[in-house]
Amino acid sequence: MAAATASAIGLEPLLGSQDSVARAEQSGGLNGAARANESAEVRIKAALRERAVNIPNHPTNHDITRYPDQANTYTKCLPHDAFGRVDLNAFATMLTALNSGDPDDFEKITMGGARTLNGPQGGFAFDLEGTDAYQFGSPLVPPAPTLASDLNAAELLEHYWGSLLRDVPFTQYASNAVANAAAAETSAISVYQGPRNSGGQVTPDLLFRGIFPGETLGPYMSQFFVTPTSFGQQPISQQQITYVPNVDYMTDFGSWLSVQNGVSTGQQNVSDSQPRFLHDGRGLAAWTHTDVLYQAYFVAFLVLNTMKAPLNPGNP
């Protein structure tokens, strides 16, 4: 029985060739080995085009060589001394694994407790979709600021203010004394890289926002986070399980050091029994604590689909 004619998806914008069109016709179409060969050709041409993308520099902040005790370098879950300084022999085992990429070397990293590193080999994986991750870098992904820099101090200060404001609803920032104090202090920091208004000031409404286009517009919470949607026939209310407010963690050096060593303190996040729409910093922290890697983008697509948003006219 003859196969019905199928539509074709053209990849010419990527490959620039008529050979890139997958065909299935009523008679005389590609089949068997011929189709497999063309499939291989399409993939090879796509890979060569991706390989041609410029490989950027990947600069570091040089703190790893600047500080013999590895201050300002990631050492969590490795053993540390009573002052919180990493065991240098253990650090060397992690560095060996990162330099070699050998899975056996990752098994030999000296850990400080029962907790393990979260997917340390993920950066070595190859993705068969799009450009290789190593071909993205500076200036899109600059190195972290150095330990002794003013920028590092400014970022740390922003984290402190965020901690103090984590239980304040975003809608109350304008009238909240702590939010106003945070805005006033960050306004006075010349190296602060967050958004400012036309007068060069950080207002409570601009605290903790990003610098990409559109990030200072509208309310803090995107409509993609609060608009009800569905996954097929399964409704999604967009209410989330968050944590109860006014519970603090790692407020003493001992508990911080235990966590740094990869040892559990026995203190767990206390979930709020009432599902809520995300509205404050603690709620966002609860979300990022357990979100699936692609969850935000997928739910955003579901919301757009629910809204019957028009497709990009360039989508084949």
Protein backbone atom coordinates (compact mmCIF):
# COMPACT_ATOMS: atom_id res chain seq x y z
CA MET A 1 0.00 0.00 0.00
CA ALA A 2 1.39 3.35 -0.98
CA ALA A 3 2.32 5.70 1.82
CA ALA A 4 0.39 8.91 2.09
CA THR A 5 2.24 12.10 1.22
CA ALA A 6 3.78 13.68 4.30
CA SER A 7 4.68 17.30 4.87
CA ALA A 8 8.36 18.26 4.78
CA ILE A 9 10.33 20.25 7.34
CA GLY A 10 12.98 22.34 5.62
CA LEU A 11 16.30 22.99 7.33
CA GLU A 12 17.67 25.23 4.59
CA PRO A 13 18.16 28.26 6.87
CA LEU A 14 20.62 26.10 8.81
CA LEU A 15 22.26 24.08 6.06
CA GLY A 16 21.54 26.06 2.89
CA SER A 17 20.85 23.01 0.75
CA GLN A 18 17.94 21.29 -0.94
CA ASP A 19 19.42 18.09 0.45
CA SER A 20 18.30 19.15 3.89
CA VAL A 21 14.59 18.61 3.16
CA ALA A 22 13.20 15.37 4.58
CA ARG A 23 10.89 13.84 1.97
CA ALA A 24 8.19 11.18 2.09
CA GLU A 25 6.26 10.97 -1.18
CA GLN A 26 3.59 8.72 -2.59
CA SER A 27 6.05 7.11 -5.00
CA GLY A 28 9.76 7.36 -5.57
CA GLY A 29 10.42 8.84 -2.10
CA LEU A 30 13.40 8.05 0.06
CA ASN A 31 13.22 4.84 2.01
CA GLY A 32 15.49 2.28 3.61
CA ALA A 33 19.20 2.88 3.19
CA ALA A 34 18.70 5.97 1.02
CA ARG A 35 16.74 7.77 3.72
CA ALA A 36 19.22 6.67 6.39
CA ASN A 37 22.09 8.06 4.29
CA GLU A 38 20.34 11.40 3.82
CA SER A 39 19.56 11.53 7.53
CA ALA A 40 23.27 11.05 8.25
CA GLU A 41 24.17 13.79 5.75
CA VAL A 42 21.74 16.25 7.34
CA ARG A 43 23.17 15.56 10.80
CA ILE A 44 26.79 15.84 9.64
CA LYS A 45 26.15 19.18 7.92
CA ALA A 46 24.37 20.50 10.99
CA ALA A 47 27.28 19.39 13.20
CA LEU A 48 29.83 21.05 10.91
CA ARG A 49 27.84 24.30 10.96
CA GLU A 50 27.71 24.21 14.76
CA ARG A 51 31.45 23.43 14.91
CA ALA A 52 32.13 26.56 12.89
CA VAL A 53 30.73 28.74 15.70
CA ASN A 54 33.53 30.76 17.29
CA ILE A 55 35.05 29.28 20.45
CA PRO A 56 35.24 32.09 23.05
CA ASN A 57 37.75 32.62 25.81
CA HIS A 58 36.82 31.31 29.25
CA PRO A 59 38.59 33.69 31.64
CA THR A 60 38.77 33.10 35.39
CA ASN A 61 39.06 35.55 38.27
CA HIS A 62 42.42 33.92 39.23
CA ASP A 63 41.45 33.60 42.92
CA ILE A 64 42.34 29.89 42.74
CA THR A 65 46.00 30.87 42.29
CA ARG A 66 45.81 34.10 44.29
CA TYR A 67 44.81 32.47 47.60
CA PRO A 68 46.74 29.37 48.79
CA ASP A 69 43.86 28.41 51.13
CA GLN A 70 41.41 28.48 48.15
CA ALA A 71 39.30 31.28 49.63
CA ASN A 72 36.47 32.27 47.27
CA THR A 73 36.72 28.95 45.40
CA TYR A 74 33.92 26.37 45.52
CA THR A 75 34.73 23.76 48.19
CA LYS A 76 31.31 22.76 49.55
CA CYS A 77 30.94 19.10 50.66
CA LEU A 78 34.73 18.72 50.97
CA PRO A 79 36.26 18.49 54.48
CA HIS A 80 37.21 21.80 56.14
CA ASP A 81 39.13 22.71 59.28
CA ALA A 82 37.68 24.42 62.35
CA PHE A 83 38.02 27.83 60.65
CA GLY A 84 36.17 26.75 57.52
CA ARG A 85 39.29 26.38 55.34
CA VAL A 86 39.21 23.49 52.90
CA ASP A 87 41.48 20.48 53.33
CA LEU A 88 43.97 21.07 50.51
CA ASN A 89 44.54 17.36 49.86
CA ALA A 90 40.80 16.87 49.41
CA PHE A 91 40.62 19.94 47.19
CA ALA A 92 43.39 18.46 45.05
CA THR A 93 41.29 15.35 44.43
CA MET A 94 38.42 17.49 43.15
CA LEU A 95 40.76 19.54 40.97
CA THR A 96 42.22 16.35 39.49
CA ALA A 97 38.75 15.16 38.52
CA LEU A 98 37.76 18.51 37.01
CA ASN A 99 40.97 18.66 34.97
CA SER A 100 40.77 15.09 33.69
CA GLY A 101 37.00 14.66 33.26
CA ASP A 102 37.54 10.98 34.06
CA PRO A 103 34.51 9.45 35.85
CA ASP A 104 36.87 7.31 37.95
CA ASP A 105 38.56 10.44 39.28
CA PHE A 106 35.20 11.84 40.39
CA GLU A 107 34.66 8.69 42.44
CA LYS A 108 37.97 9.38 44.20
CA ILE A 109 37.09 12.91 45.42
CA THR A 110 37.52 13.10 49.20
CA MET A 111 34.20 14.14 50.69
CA GLY A 112 33.60 15.64 54.13
CA GLY A 113 30.30 13.94 54.91
CA ALA A 114 27.43 11.94 53.47
CA ARG A 115 26.27 14.61 51.05
CA THR A 116 27.61 14.45 47.51
CA LEU A 117 28.36 16.98 44.80
CA ASN A 118 25.36 17.73 42.58
CA GLY A 119 26.13 16.45 39.07
CA PRO A 120 29.78 17.56 38.86
CA GLN A 121 30.22 15.72 35.55
CA GLY A 122 27.30 17.49 33.88
CA GLY A 123 29.57 20.12 32.35
CA PHE A 124 31.44 17.42 30.43
CA ALA A 125 28.33 15.98 28.77
CA PHE A 126 27.69 16.51 25.05
CA ASP A 127 24.31 17.72 23.83
CA LEU A 128 23.22 16.63 20.37
CA GLU A 129 20.96 19.68 20.02
CA GLY A 130 22.49 22.99 19.04
CA THR A 131 25.94 24.42 19.69
CA ASP A 132 28.17 22.77 22.27
CA ALA A 133 28.02 24.45 25.68
CA TYR A 134 31.76 25.18 25.67
CA GLN A 135 31.24 27.48 22.69
CA PHE A 136 29.28 29.89 24.86
CA GLY A 137 31.16 32.09 27.28
CA SER A 138 32.49 35.61 27.88
CA PRO A 139 31.11 38.25 27.64
CA LEU A 140 27.75 36.51 28.13
CA VAL A 141 29.17 34.54 31.08
CA PRO A 142 31.89 36.65 32.72
CA PRO A 143 34.03 35.25 35.55
CA ALA A 144 32.84 35.71 39.12
CA PRO A 145 34.17 38.85 40.82
CA THR A 146 37.38 38.43 42.80
CA LEU A 147 37.19 38.00 46.56
CA ALA A 148 38.76 41.37 47.37
CA SER A 149 36.79 43.37 44.79
CA ASP A 150 34.20 46.04 45.49
CA LEU A 151 31.83 44.20 43.15
CA ASN A 152 32.04 41.04 45.26
CA ALA A 153 31.20 43.09 48.36
CA ALA A 154 28.26 44.70 46.56
CA GLU A 155 26.88 41.32 45.52
CA LEU A 156 27.26 39.98 49.06
CA LEU A 157 25.44 43.02 50.42
CA GLU A 158 22.60 42.41 47.96
CA HIS A 159 22.33 38.82 49.24
CA TYR A 160 22.12 40.06 52.83
CA TRP A 161 19.29 42.44 51.98
CA GLY A 162 17.53 39.68 50.06
CA SER A 163 17.71 37.47 53.15
CA LEU A 164 16.21 40.18 55.35
CA LEU A 165 13.39 40.72 52.86
CA ARG A 166 12.63 37.10 51.99
CA ASP A 167 9.31 37.04 53.87
CA VAL A 168 8.11 40.45 52.66
CA PRO A 169 5.63 40.25 49.74
CA PHE A 170 6.99 41.94 46.63
CA THR A 171 3.85 44.08 46.48
CA GLN A 172 4.78 45.63 49.86
CA TYR A 173 8.33 46.67 48.99
CA ALA A 174 7.40 50.28 48.28
CA SER A 175 6.02 50.77 51.81
CA ASN A 176 8.47 48.51 53.66
CA ALA A 177 11.17 50.25 55.72
CA VAL A 178 13.74 47.48 55.15
CA ALA A 179 13.18 47.52 51.38
CA ASN A 180 13.61 51.29 51.33
CA ALA A 181 16.82 51.02 53.36
CA ALA A 182 18.10 48.37 50.95
CA ALA A 183 17.32 50.60 47.98
CA ALA A 184 19.04 53.59 49.58
CA GLU A 185 22.23 51.67 50.39
CA THR A 186 22.54 49.99 46.99
CA SER A 187 21.89 53.33 45.28
CA ALA A 188 25.04 54.69 46.92
CA ILE A 189 27.25 51.82 45.69
CA SER A 190 28.90 52.89 42.45
CA VAL A 191 29.77 49.34 41.32
CA TYR A 192 26.30 47.94 41.94
CA GLN A 193 25.22 46.38 38.64
CA GLY A 194 21.49 46.02 39.22
CA PRO A 195 18.96 48.22 37.41
CA ARG A 196 18.51 51.89 38.31
CA ASN A 197 15.88 54.45 37.35
CA SER A 198 16.50 57.38 35.02
CA GLY A 199 17.92 59.34 37.96
CA GLY A 200 20.48 56.65 38.70
CA GLN A 201 18.70 55.48 41.85
CA VAL A 202 17.74 51.98 42.95
CA THR A 203 14.10 52.11 44.00
CA PRO A 204 12.35 49.44 46.12
CA ASP A 205 10.55 48.34 42.95
CA LEU A 206 13.91 47.63 41.25
CA LEU A 207 15.55 45.62 44.05
CA PHE A 208 16.88 42.19 43.05
CA ARG A 209 15.73 42.51 39.44
CA GLY A 210 17.87 41.59 36.46
CA ILE A 211 19.37 43.76 33.75
CA PHE A 212 18.02 42.08 30.62
CA PRO A 213 15.36 43.83 28.48
CA GLY A 214 11.92 43.80 30.07
CA GLU A 215 13.03 42.72 33.55
CA THR A 216 12.11 46.03 35.17
CA LEU A 217 8.62 46.13 33.64
CA GLY A 218 5.50 45.04 35.47
CA PRO A 219 5.16 43.19 38.77
CA TYR A 220 7.90 41.06 40.26
CA MET A 221 6.13 37.81 39.52
CA SER A 222 5.76 36.98 35.85
CA GLN A 223 2.29 36.12 34.63
CA PHE A 224 3.79 32.81 33.53
CA PHE A 225 4.06 31.98 37.25
CA VAL A 226 0.46 32.76 38.22
CA THR A 227 -1.77 32.19 35.18
CA PRO A 228 -3.66 28.85 35.48
CA THR A 229 -2.93 26.46 32.66
CA SER A 230 -3.08 22.75 31.87
CA PHE A 231 -0.85 19.92 30.72
CA GLY A 232 -3.15 18.19 28.28
CA GLN A 233 -6.28 17.40 30.30
CA GLN A 234 -4.48 17.91 33.62
CA PRO A 235 -5.23 21.34 35.15
CA ILE A 236 -2.37 23.30 36.74
CA SER A 237 -3.49 25.98 39.20
CA GLN A 238 0.04 27.44 39.51
CA GLN A 239 -0.28 27.53 43.29
CA GLN A 240 2.92 26.18 44.85
CA ILE A 241 4.11 24.47 48.02
CA THR A 242 6.36 26.96 49.81
CA TYR A 243 8.02 27.13 53.23
CA VAL A 244 6.63 28.69 56.40
CA PRO A 245 7.98 32.19 57.11
CA ASN A 246 10.30 33.41 59.86
CA VAL A 247 12.37 30.21 60.11
CA ASP A 248 16.13 30.83 59.95
CA TYR A 249 18.90 28.41 59.00
CA MET A 250 22.70 28.36 59.47
CA THR A 251 22.67 31.38 61.78
CA ASP A 252 25.69 30.12 63.77
CA PHE A 253 29.17 29.16 62.61
CA GLY A 254 28.84 25.53 63.71
CA SER A 255 25.80 24.77 61.57
CA TRP A 256 27.34 26.61 58.61
CA LEU A 257 30.52 24.54 58.94
CA SER A 258 28.52 21.31 59.06
CA VAL A 259 26.75 22.21 55.83
CA GLN A 260 30.05 23.28 54.26
CA ASN A 261 31.46 19.86 55.14
CA GLY A 262 28.49 18.09 53.60
CA VAL A 263 27.08 17.00 56.97
CA SER A 264 23.36 17.37 57.64
CA THR A 265 22.38 19.61 60.54
CA GLY A 266 19.13 17.67 60.96
CA GLN A 267 17.15 20.86 60.36
CA GLN A 268 14.67 20.57 57.50
CA ASN A 269 12.65 23.15 55.61
CA VAL A 270 9.12 23.34 57.00
CA SER A 271 6.58 23.24 54.19
CA ASP A 272 3.50 25.44 54.29
CA SER A 273 0.41 23.21 54.18
CA GLN A 274 -1.48 25.86 52.21
CA PRO A 275 -0.52 26.03 48.50
CA ARG A 276 0.07 29.65 47.49
CA PHE A 277 0.91 31.74 44.47
CA LEU A 278 4.56 32.76 44.62
CA HIS A 279 4.79 36.26 46.06
CA ASP A 280 8.02 36.63 48.05
CA GLY A 281 11.68 35.66 48.16
CA ARG A 282 11.18 32.59 50.34
CA GLY A 283 8.58 31.25 47.92
CA LEU A 284 10.99 31.64 45.02
CA ALA A 285 13.70 29.88 47.06
CA ALA A 286 11.33 26.96 47.71
CA TRP A 287 10.64 26.74 43.98
CA THR A 288 14.30 26.76 42.93
CA HIS A 289 15.09 24.22 45.67
CA THR A 290 13.20 21.44 43.87
CA ASP A 291 12.30 22.68 40.37
CA VAL A 292 12.92 20.45 37.37
CA LEU A 293 15.63 21.94 35.15
CA TYR A 294 13.36 22.97 32.24
CA GLN A 295 10.22 23.49 34.34
CA ALA A 296 9.93 27.28 34.04
CA TYR A 297 10.24 27.29 30.26
CA PHE A 298 7.86 24.38 29.79
CA VAL A 299 5.16 25.90 32.02
CA ALA A 300 5.61 29.22 30.20
CA PHE A 301 4.90 27.37 26.94
CA LEU A 302 1.79 25.79 28.49
CA VAL A 303 0.55 29.23 29.57
CA LEU A 304 1.12 30.64 26.08
CA ASN A 305 -0.74 27.66 24.64
CA THR A 306 -3.62 28.22 27.07
CA MET A 307 -3.76 31.88 26.02
CA LYS A 308 -3.79 30.84 22.33
CA ALA A 309 -0.77 33.06 21.74
CA PRO A 310 0.18 33.15 18.05
CA LEU A 311 3.16 31.10 16.92
CA ASN A 312 6.39 32.69 15.80
CA PRO A 313 5.95 33.11 12.03
CA GLY A 314 9.52 31.89 11.56
CA ASN A 315 8.73 28.53 13.17
CA PRO A 316 8.75 25.85 10.45
